[in-house]
Amino acid sequence: MQDLSTITVEVDGAVCSVTLDRPEKLNPLSVTCQRELIEVAEWLDAQPEIRAVVIRGAGRAFSAGADLSSFGTDAALEPRESGDLGLRMVEAIAGIDAVTIAAVHGHCIGGGVLLATACDLRIADEEARFAIPEVDLGIPLTWSGIPRLVREIGPAATKDLVLSCRRFGADEARLLGVVTRVVSVGDLDRAARELAEEMARRSRYAVRSVLEAVDACAEEMVGTGRSWADADQLATAFHDAESREAGARYLAERRK
């Protein structure tokens, strides 16, 4: 891997920790961060000795979600390519051969929720707070978010969370299936590490077979291939006057 500026990667035996590491900004998923997560995912698949990966956030949040200020700032990217990068990032994380575990604390917002749901297993501490505010920002939920949420939590719950943009806590996230376990504050790192070590001790073939079978069933239920036009939807929203006004209002209210 080249030098990483937004992520820290640490390997201890068969377990790898991938930490979103811009705590002063609540670990936003900037264009740079998305690229680095794709790079890390590709690197991990070339390390057969790594059997479990824990993805976490530094500081007081898992991730504040997409860094909207970074979109369109890279002259080397066409507008559609820029919008498609998040989808590529989520698919790269979902496709990692090792078992992936999201360890969620603090704020987990928008794209951060999608990053977490791309992981095989998801643990949150009891004070974690979630929200999917894209509609309030005047943009659709992209990055394959709709099919992923529909198959994880169902159509009605997806409509509720995505259209209302409401915040919800760790217990509701567990009941819905956004996360699979909730632990006490202060126990998150230990619980994630123990789960990673437990996965790493098991037969690689057996674990991989289960993951591939479950993923194949999920794709047959609600395939993410239908998200090919997500970038077009995002680009359209950035040029829609009403959507831009909604986003400006939301950001102004958040700054008060």
Protein backbone atom coordinates (compact mmCIF):
# COMPACT_ATOMS: atom_id res chain seq x y z
CA MET A 1 0.00 0.00 0.00
CA GLN A 2 1.01 3.58 -0.57
CA ASP A 3 1.09 5.96 2.39
CA LEU A 4 -2.40 6.39 3.83
CA SER A 5 -3.53 9.79 5.05
CA THR A 6 -7.04 9.06 6.41
CA ILE A 7 -6.77 5.46 7.61
CA THR A 8 -4.54 3.53 9.99
CA VAL A 9 -3.95 -0.18 9.37
CA GLU A 10 -2.51 -2.48 12.06
CA VAL A 11 -1.96 -6.23 11.80
CA ASP A 12 -1.67 -8.47 14.85
CA GLY A 13 -1.40 -12.11 13.85
CA ALA A 14 -4.50 -13.13 11.92
CA VAL A 15 -6.45 -9.98 12.86
CA CYS A 16 -6.24 -6.62 11.10
CA SER A 17 -7.58 -3.34 12.48
CA VAL A 18 -8.61 -0.68 9.97
CA THR A 19 -9.25 2.66 11.69
CA LEU A 20 -10.82 5.70 10.07
CA ASP A 21 -8.37 8.24 11.42
CA ARG A 22 -9.54 11.82 11.05
CA PRO A 23 -11.11 12.21 14.49
CA GLU A 24 -11.09 16.02 14.40
CA LYS A 25 -13.63 15.80 11.53
CA LEU A 26 -15.50 12.77 12.92
CA ASN A 27 -13.88 10.52 10.30
CA PRO A 28 -15.65 11.69 7.14
CA LEU A 29 -15.69 9.47 4.07
CA SER A 30 -13.93 11.90 1.76
CA VAL A 31 -12.88 11.05 -1.78
CA THR A 32 -9.41 10.31 -0.41
CA CYS A 33 -10.79 8.08 2.33
CA GLN A 34 -12.96 6.16 -0.13
CA ARG A 35 -9.97 5.55 -2.38
CA GLU A 36 -7.87 4.41 0.55
CA LEU A 37 -10.55 1.99 1.75
CA ILE A 38 -10.66 0.47 -1.74
CA GLU A 39 -6.86 0.17 -1.69
CA VAL A 40 -6.88 -1.42 1.76
CA ALA A 41 -9.58 -3.92 0.71
CA GLU A 42 -7.50 -4.97 -2.31
CA TRP A 43 -4.39 -5.29 -0.13
CA LEU A 44 -6.23 -7.41 2.45
CA ASP A 45 -7.25 -9.93 -0.18
CA ALA A 46 -3.57 -10.45 -0.98
CA GLN A 47 -2.83 -11.33 2.68
CA PRO A 48 -4.16 -14.88 3.23
CA GLU A 49 -2.81 -14.95 6.79
CA ILE A 50 -5.35 -12.25 7.78
CA ARG A 51 -8.62 -13.96 8.65
CA ALA A 52 -10.59 -11.21 10.39
CA VAL A 53 -10.75 -7.44 9.95
CA VAL A 54 -12.14 -4.93 12.45
CA ILE A 55 -13.21 -1.57 10.99
CA ARG A 56 -13.59 1.24 13.53
CA GLY A 57 -13.39 5.01 13.89
CA ALA A 58 -10.87 7.02 15.90
CA GLY A 59 -11.97 9.56 18.49
CA ARG A 60 -15.61 10.07 19.37
CA ALA A 61 -17.32 8.72 16.24
CA PHE A 62 -17.36 5.84 13.82
CA SER A 63 -17.98 8.11 10.84
CA ALA A 64 -19.89 11.30 10.07
CA GLY A 65 -20.54 9.91 6.59
CA ALA A 66 -19.78 11.30 3.16
CA ASP A 67 -17.70 14.47 3.08
CA LEU A 68 -19.84 16.45 0.64
CA SER A 69 -17.25 19.22 0.47
CA SER A 70 -14.80 16.81 -1.18
CA PHE A 71 -17.04 15.90 -4.11
CA GLY A 72 -16.13 17.59 -7.34
CA THR A 73 -12.80 18.82 -5.96
CA ASP A 74 -10.67 16.28 -7.85
CA ALA A 75 -10.10 17.54 -11.38
CA ALA A 76 -8.95 14.08 -12.47
CA LEU A 77 -12.41 12.62 -11.77
CA GLU A 78 -15.40 13.05 -14.05
CA PRO A 79 -18.61 13.98 -12.14
CA ARG A 80 -20.09 10.50 -12.60
CA GLU A 81 -16.85 8.80 -11.58
CA SER A 82 -16.75 10.91 -8.43
CA GLY A 83 -20.30 9.89 -7.57
CA ASP A 84 -19.54 6.24 -8.29
CA LEU A 85 -16.54 6.07 -5.96
CA GLY A 86 -18.66 5.48 -2.86
CA LEU A 87 -20.38 2.52 -4.49
CA ARG A 88 -17.00 1.05 -5.41
CA MET A 89 -15.81 1.56 -1.83
CA VAL A 90 -18.83 -0.19 -0.27
CA GLU A 91 -18.56 -3.07 -2.74
CA ALA A 92 -14.82 -3.41 -2.01
CA ILE A 93 -15.44 -3.68 1.74
CA ALA A 94 -18.30 -6.14 1.21
CA GLY A 95 -16.06 -8.26 -1.01
CA ILE A 96 -13.13 -8.70 1.41
CA ASP A 97 -12.35 -12.42 1.79
CA ALA A 98 -11.67 -12.21 5.54
CA VAL A 99 -14.53 -11.83 8.01
CA THR A 100 -15.22 -8.11 8.46
CA ILE A 101 -16.48 -6.67 11.74
CA ALA A 102 -17.71 -3.09 12.14
CA ALA A 103 -17.11 -1.72 15.67
CA VAL A 104 -19.43 1.28 15.93
CA HIS A 105 -19.38 3.98 18.59
CA GLY A 106 -20.52 7.58 18.73
CA HIS A 107 -22.01 8.96 15.53
CA CYS A 108 -22.57 6.66 12.56
CA ILE A 109 -24.14 8.80 9.87
CA GLY A 110 -25.21 8.27 6.25
CA GLY A 111 -22.33 6.68 4.38
CA GLY A 112 -20.97 5.49 7.72
CA VAL A 113 -24.11 3.34 8.13
CA LEU A 114 -23.52 1.89 4.65
CA LEU A 115 -19.87 1.19 5.45
CA ALA A 116 -20.96 -0.67 8.58
CA THR A 117 -23.67 -2.67 6.80
CA ALA A 118 -21.12 -3.72 4.17
CA CYS A 119 -19.34 -5.64 6.96
CA ASP A 120 -20.24 -9.23 7.77
CA LEU A 121 -20.77 -8.62 11.50
CA ARG A 122 -21.57 -5.35 13.27
CA ILE A 123 -21.14 -4.47 16.94
CA ALA A 124 -22.13 -1.15 18.53
CA ASP A 125 -21.76 0.21 22.01
CA GLU A 126 -24.94 1.25 23.77
CA GLU A 127 -24.35 4.97 23.22
CA ALA A 128 -23.89 4.73 19.43
CA ARG A 129 -26.22 6.98 17.45
CA PHE A 130 -27.27 6.43 13.85
CA ALA A 131 -28.93 8.53 11.14
CA ILE A 132 -29.31 8.52 7.36
CA PRO A 133 -29.82 12.23 6.52
CA GLU A 134 -29.38 12.16 2.73
CA VAL A 135 -32.98 13.13 1.91
CA ASP A 136 -32.70 16.12 4.26
CA LEU A 137 -29.59 17.06 2.28
CA GLY A 138 -31.62 16.93 -0.93
CA ILE A 139 -29.88 13.86 -2.32
CA PRO A 140 -30.97 10.22 -2.77
CA LEU A 141 -29.35 7.45 -0.77
CA THR A 142 -26.81 5.95 -3.16
CA TRP A 143 -23.70 3.74 -2.75
CA SER A 144 -26.00 0.67 -3.08
CA GLY A 145 -27.62 1.80 0.17
CA ILE A 146 -31.23 1.05 -0.76
CA PRO A 147 -30.80 -2.62 -1.77
CA ARG A 148 -28.41 -3.25 1.13
CA LEU A 149 -30.81 -1.81 3.69
CA VAL A 150 -33.87 -3.50 2.15
CA ARG A 151 -32.28 -6.92 2.48
CA GLU A 152 -30.86 -6.22 5.97
CA ILE A 153 -33.86 -4.51 7.63
CA GLY A 154 -36.76 -4.80 5.13
CA PRO A 155 -38.58 -2.36 2.85
CA ALA A 156 -40.77 -0.64 5.46
CA ALA A 157 -37.94 0.05 7.90
CA THR A 158 -35.76 1.28 5.02
CA LYS A 159 -38.45 3.75 3.95
CA ASP A 160 -38.88 4.90 7.56
CA LEU A 161 -35.19 5.54 8.26
CA VAL A 162 -34.28 6.96 4.86
CA LEU A 163 -37.33 9.20 4.36
CA SER A 164 -37.63 10.45 7.95
CA CYS A 165 -33.86 10.98 8.37
CA ARG A 166 -34.49 10.46 12.09
CA ARG A 167 -31.81 9.51 14.56
CA PHE A 168 -31.99 6.12 16.24
CA GLY A 169 -30.02 4.44 18.97
CA ALA A 170 -28.07 1.22 19.31
CA ASP A 171 -30.93 -0.85 20.73
CA GLU A 172 -33.23 0.01 17.83
CA ALA A 173 -30.36 -0.58 15.41
CA ARG A 174 -29.99 -4.09 16.82
CA LEU A 175 -33.72 -4.82 16.67
CA LEU A 176 -33.84 -3.68 13.05
CA GLY A 177 -30.68 -5.56 12.04
CA VAL A 178 -28.46 -2.56 11.33
CA VAL A 179 -26.10 -4.04 13.95
CA THR A 180 -25.94 -7.58 15.25
CA ARG A 181 -24.77 -7.00 18.83
CA VAL A 182 -24.78 -4.17 21.39
CA VAL A 183 -22.22 -3.99 24.21
CA SER A 184 -21.59 -1.68 27.15
CA VAL A 185 -19.65 1.53 26.69
CA GLY A 186 -15.99 0.72 27.20
CA ASP A 187 -16.39 -2.91 26.09
CA LEU A 188 -16.51 -2.30 22.34
CA ASP A 189 -12.83 -2.77 21.52
CA ARG A 190 -12.57 -5.88 23.66
CA ALA A 191 -15.75 -7.40 22.21
CA ALA A 192 -14.69 -6.68 18.63
CA ARG A 193 -11.23 -8.12 19.24
CA GLU A 194 -12.60 -11.27 20.89
CA LEU A 195 -15.05 -11.79 18.03
CA ALA A 196 -12.28 -11.28 15.46
CA GLU A 197 -10.02 -13.78 17.22
CA GLU A 198 -12.90 -16.24 17.44
CA MET A 199 -13.49 -15.96 13.67
CA ALA A 200 -9.75 -16.24 12.96
CA ARG A 201 -9.50 -19.55 14.86
CA ARG A 202 -12.11 -21.24 12.72
CA SER A 203 -11.53 -23.12 9.48
CA ARG A 204 -10.92 -20.57 6.74
CA TYR A 205 -12.68 -22.79 4.20
CA ALA A 206 -15.77 -23.29 6.38
CA VAL A 207 -16.06 -19.61 7.23
CA ARG A 208 -15.56 -18.49 3.63
CA SER A 209 -18.12 -21.03 2.43
CA VAL A 210 -20.74 -19.70 4.84
CA LEU A 211 -20.04 -16.08 3.88
CA GLU A 212 -20.23 -16.82 0.17
CA ALA A 213 -23.45 -18.82 0.57
CA VAL A 214 -25.13 -16.08 2.62
CA ASP A 215 -23.97 -13.37 0.20
CA ALA A 216 -25.26 -15.37 -2.76
CA CYS A 217 -28.67 -15.75 -1.11
CA ALA A 218 -28.74 -12.03 -0.31
CA GLU A 219 -27.92 -11.15 -3.90
CA GLU A 220 -30.78 -13.32 -5.12
CA MET A 221 -33.13 -11.60 -2.66
CA VAL A 222 -32.10 -8.01 -3.46
CA GLY A 223 -29.08 -7.66 -5.69
CA THR A 224 -26.87 -4.60 -5.44
CA GLY A 225 -26.23 -4.71 -9.19
CA ARG A 226 -29.30 -2.52 -9.61
CA SER A 227 -27.25 0.32 -8.07
CA TRP A 228 -25.36 0.93 -11.34
CA ALA A 229 -27.26 4.23 -11.80
CA ASP A 230 -26.68 5.55 -8.28
CA ALA A 231 -24.01 7.95 -9.48
CA ASP A 232 -26.38 9.39 -12.08
CA GLN A 233 -29.00 9.99 -9.41
CA LEU A 234 -26.46 11.73 -7.21
CA ALA A 235 -25.20 13.91 -10.05
CA THR A 236 -28.78 14.86 -10.94
CA ALA A 237 -29.51 15.87 -7.33
CA PHE A 238 -26.47 18.15 -7.28
CA HIS A 239 -27.93 19.99 -10.28
CA ASP A 240 -31.57 20.07 -9.10
CA ALA A 241 -32.51 23.49 -7.69
CA GLU A 242 -35.01 22.22 -5.10
CA SER A 243 -32.57 19.56 -3.92
CA ARG A 244 -29.78 22.12 -3.55
CA GLU A 245 -32.09 24.43 -1.57
CA ALA A 246 -32.99 21.56 0.76
CA GLY A 247 -29.36 20.71 1.30
CA ALA A 248 -28.43 24.34 1.99
CA ARG A 249 -31.23 24.63 4.57
CA TYR A 250 -30.14 21.45 6.31
CA LEU A 251 -26.51 22.53 6.53
CA ALA A 252 -27.45 26.01 7.74
CA GLU A 253 -29.62 24.54 10.51
CA ARG A 254 -26.82 22.22 11.59
CA ARG A 255 -24.42 25.15 11.92
CA LYS A 256 -26.71 27.03 14.36
